[in-house]
Amino acid sequence: MHTMYYILIKEVNDMALTSTVTFRTTPELKERVDNLAKRTRRSAGFYYNVLLEDYLSEIEDIYDAVDISERVRAGKEKTYSSDEIRKELGL
């Protein structure tokens, strides 16, 4: 069974604006975050934000790479050989 959890996401602004986000997670993951929060005297929301900030860009990069790879295979993306790149860079 999944547990509902609420987190606050800090928006990039001079003021500390937040948005409430609801998602489901396993009881084990929630417990791990809660334990870490207790050990460090920070909120669980702080760690959810850290996790999102650290890994969201990485996940987006992975999906971008998959999209580009699919476009290359479909012939919709121009590719260059290493010789072409060396010549263009004067190497």
Protein backbone atom coordinates (compact mmCIF):
# COMPACT_ATOMS: atom_id res chain seq x y z
CA MET A 1 0.00 0.00 0.00
CA HIS A 2 1.18 3.54 -0.77
CA THR A 3 1.15 6.45 1.64
CA MET A 4 0.02 9.95 0.68
CA TYR A 5 2.60 12.60 1.45
CA TYR A 6 2.59 16.35 1.04
CA ILE A 7 5.68 18.33 0.15
CA LEU A 8 6.48 21.97 -0.35
CA ILE A 9 8.50 23.05 -3.36
CA LYS A 10 10.43 26.29 -3.08
CA GLU A 11 10.04 28.40 -6.18
CA VAL A 12 12.94 30.43 -7.48
CA ASN A 13 12.14 33.93 -6.31
CA ASP A 14 13.38 36.47 -3.80
CA MET A 15 10.54 35.38 -1.55
CA ALA A 16 10.23 31.81 -0.27
CA LEU A 17 7.06 30.90 -2.16
CA THR A 18 5.87 27.33 -1.99
CA SER A 19 3.47 25.05 -3.78
CA THR A 20 1.86 21.98 -2.31
CA VAL A 21 2.36 18.76 -4.24
CA THR A 22 0.72 15.46 -3.42
CA PHE A 23 2.11 12.11 -4.50
CA ARG A 24 2.12 8.50 -3.42
CA THR A 25 5.19 6.68 -2.17
CA THR A 26 5.89 3.43 -0.41
CA PRO A 27 5.79 3.35 3.39
CA GLU A 28 9.46 2.32 3.34
CA LEU A 29 10.59 5.38 1.38
CA LYS A 30 8.48 7.69 3.53
CA GLU A 31 9.99 6.16 6.65
CA ARG A 32 13.53 6.63 5.33
CA VAL A 33 12.91 10.30 4.57
CA ASP A 34 11.17 10.82 7.93
CA ASN A 35 14.07 9.16 9.78
CA LEU A 36 16.61 11.30 7.97
CA ALA A 37 14.60 14.41 8.79
CA LYS A 38 14.52 13.49 12.48
CA ARG A 39 18.25 12.70 12.58
CA THR A 40 19.17 16.03 10.97
CA ARG A 41 16.40 18.14 12.52
CA ARG A 42 15.15 19.23 9.11
CA SER A 43 11.72 18.82 7.64
CA ALA A 44 10.85 15.88 5.42
CA GLY A 45 9.77 18.47 2.84
CA PHE A 46 13.33 19.79 2.78
CA TYR A 47 14.62 16.37 1.72
CA TYR A 48 11.91 15.87 -0.88
CA ASN A 49 12.98 19.20 -2.38
CA VAL A 50 16.64 18.17 -2.31
CA LEU A 51 15.79 14.91 -4.07
CA LEU A 52 13.71 16.68 -6.71
CA GLU A 53 16.30 19.36 -7.33
CA ASP A 54 19.15 16.84 -7.58
CA TYR A 55 17.50 14.27 -9.81
CA LEU A 56 14.85 16.04 -11.88
CA SER A 57 17.45 17.49 -14.27
CA GLU A 58 19.09 14.10 -14.62
CA ILE A 59 15.79 12.42 -15.48
CA GLU A 60 14.96 15.18 -17.98
CA ASP A 61 18.40 14.70 -19.59
CA ILE A 62 17.78 10.97 -19.95
CA TYR A 63 14.45 11.54 -21.71
CA ASP A 64 16.02 14.21 -23.94
CA ALA A 65 18.75 11.75 -24.93
CA VAL A 66 16.15 9.09 -25.75
CA ASP A 67 14.19 11.58 -27.88
CA ILE A 68 17.32 12.65 -29.77
CA SER A 69 18.37 9.04 -30.28
CA GLU A 70 14.95 8.22 -31.74
CA ARG A 71 15.16 11.24 -34.08
CA VAL A 72 18.64 10.13 -35.22
CA ARG A 73 17.38 6.62 -35.98
CA ALA A 74 14.42 8.07 -37.89
CA GLY A 75 16.75 10.28 -39.96
CA LYS A 76 15.26 13.47 -38.52
CA GLU A 77 18.43 14.61 -36.76
CA LYS A 78 21.68 15.57 -38.54
CA THR A 79 24.76 13.69 -37.37
CA TYR A 80 28.44 14.37 -37.95
CA SER A 81 31.40 12.02 -38.16
CA SER A 82 34.46 12.61 -35.98
CA ASP A 83 36.41 13.54 -39.14
CA GLU A 84 33.82 16.21 -39.99
CA ILE A 85 34.04 17.64 -36.48
CA ARG A 86 37.87 17.66 -36.52
CA LYS A 87 37.85 19.44 -39.87
CA GLU A 88 35.31 22.01 -38.67
CA LEU A 89 37.41 22.68 -35.54
CA GLY A 90 40.69 22.73 -37.45
CA LEU A 91 42.17 19.80 -35.56
